[in-house]
Amino acid sequence: MYKILLCCATGVTTNMLVNKIKESAHQQNENIMCWAVGTMSIKYSWPDADCVLVAPQSKADFASIKEMIHGVVPCEMISNQDFVDMNGDAILKQASQLIDNMK
């Protein structure tokens, strides 16, 4: 099971994306846990995740998020286009590859 944490300013827009990722996983028979938090709450949630994906609107916080996680789990930005398109397939693939490459 992949545990994917999405992070944005408040967690509101990424919650919509969480649903798209879950739909994609269901269609692909992938077993995932996916949730979203705001940047202020990331410190409480990242230890439970296999990877952290940061939304484009939190780009200014990316360096501090990555430093907080200090390489324990992979952390990457979500592409602006995938975020705008709410492309659950592409973001699920991004997360899966990050997690698989850490193993």
Protein backbone atom coordinates (compact mmCIF):
# COMPACT_ATOMS: atom_id res chain seq x y z
CA MET A 1 0.00 0.00 0.00
CA TYR A 2 1.23 3.46 -0.93
CA LYS A 3 0.70 6.22 1.64
CA ILE A 4 0.65 9.54 -0.21
CA LEU A 5 0.50 12.89 1.55
CA LEU A 6 -0.40 16.01 -0.39
CA CYS A 7 0.39 19.42 0.98
CA CYS A 8 -0.88 22.87 0.03
CA ALA A 9 -1.50 26.19 1.73
CA THR A 10 -4.65 25.08 3.54
CA GLY A 11 -5.31 21.56 2.30
CA VAL A 12 -8.62 22.52 0.69
CA THR A 13 -7.78 22.32 -3.02
CA THR A 14 -5.61 19.27 -2.54
CA ASN A 15 -8.56 17.44 -0.96
CA MET A 16 -10.25 17.57 -4.37
CA LEU A 17 -7.07 16.14 -5.86
CA VAL A 18 -7.00 13.38 -3.23
CA ASN A 19 -10.36 12.19 -4.55
CA LYS A 20 -9.02 12.12 -8.13
CA ILE A 21 -5.97 10.12 -7.02
CA LYS A 22 -8.18 7.67 -5.13
CA GLU A 23 -10.39 7.25 -8.22
CA SER A 24 -7.30 6.53 -10.34
CA ALA A 25 -5.99 4.03 -7.82
CA HIS A 26 -9.35 2.27 -7.68
CA GLN A 27 -9.44 2.00 -11.49
CA GLN A 28 -5.93 0.54 -11.46
CA ASN A 29 -6.62 -1.82 -8.53
CA GLU A 30 -3.92 -0.04 -6.50
CA ASN A 31 -4.18 -0.05 -2.72
CA ILE A 32 -3.38 3.45 -1.46
CA MET A 33 -3.94 5.78 1.43
CA CYS A 34 -3.98 9.41 0.33
CA TRP A 35 -4.71 12.53 2.34
CA ALA A 36 -4.07 16.26 2.30
CA VAL A 37 -2.94 18.76 4.89
CA GLY A 38 -2.05 22.43 5.00
CA THR A 39 1.56 23.52 5.25
CA MET A 40 1.10 24.38 8.93
CA SER A 41 0.15 20.74 9.69
CA ILE A 42 2.72 18.92 7.58
CA LYS A 43 5.02 18.38 10.55
CA TYR A 44 2.37 16.18 12.19
CA SER A 45 1.55 14.08 9.12
CA TRP A 46 4.69 13.44 7.10
CA PRO A 47 6.03 10.63 9.34
CA ASP A 48 2.96 8.55 8.40
CA ALA A 49 3.55 8.94 4.66
CA ASP A 50 5.62 7.06 2.08
CA CYS A 51 5.97 10.27 0.05
CA VAL A 52 5.00 13.93 0.23
CA LEU A 53 3.82 15.87 -2.80
CA VAL A 54 3.60 19.64 -2.54
CA ALA A 55 1.05 21.67 -4.51
CA PRO A 56 2.28 24.50 -6.75
CA GLN A 57 0.74 27.22 -4.58
CA SER A 58 3.05 26.12 -1.74
CA LYS A 59 6.21 26.40 -3.83
CA ALA A 60 7.62 29.01 -1.43
CA ASP A 61 7.38 26.48 1.41
CA PHE A 62 8.94 23.59 -0.53
CA ALA A 63 12.51 24.05 0.68
CA SER A 64 11.49 24.16 4.34
CA ILE A 65 9.19 21.14 3.93
CA LYS A 66 11.95 19.17 2.25
CA GLU A 67 14.40 20.18 4.99
CA MET A 68 11.92 19.10 7.69
CA ILE A 69 11.54 15.66 6.09
CA HIS A 70 15.34 15.45 5.59
CA GLY A 71 15.21 12.63 3.07
CA VAL A 72 13.33 10.14 5.25
CA VAL A 73 10.61 9.95 2.59
CA PRO A 74 10.72 11.39 -0.93
CA CYS A 75 9.31 14.88 -1.37
CA GLU A 76 8.55 16.52 -4.69
CA MET A 77 6.49 19.30 -6.23
CA ILE A 78 3.32 18.48 -8.16
CA SER A 79 3.56 19.95 -11.64
CA ASN A 80 1.42 23.01 -12.17
CA GLN A 81 -0.29 21.43 -15.18
CA ASP A 82 -1.16 18.18 -13.37
CA PHE A 83 -2.53 20.20 -10.47
CA VAL A 84 -4.65 22.50 -12.65
CA ASP A 85 -5.95 19.50 -14.62
CA MET A 86 -6.56 17.54 -11.38
CA ASN A 87 -4.74 14.69 -13.15
CA GLY A 88 -5.06 11.89 -10.61
CA ASP A 89 -3.42 9.36 -12.96
CA ALA A 90 -0.25 11.42 -13.43
CA ILE A 91 0.09 12.30 -9.76
CA LEU A 92 -0.50 8.70 -8.66
CA LYS A 93 2.21 7.64 -11.10
CA GLN A 94 4.56 10.33 -9.75
CA ALA A 95 3.99 9.17 -6.17
CA SER A 96 4.36 5.48 -7.05
CA GLN A 97 7.65 6.07 -8.82
CA LEU A 98 9.02 8.14 -5.93
CA ILE A 99 8.11 5.45 -3.42
CA ASP A 100 9.41 2.58 -5.57
CA ASN A 101 12.71 4.39 -6.14
CA MET A 102 13.23 4.73 -2.37
CA LYS A 103 12.99 0.96 -1.83
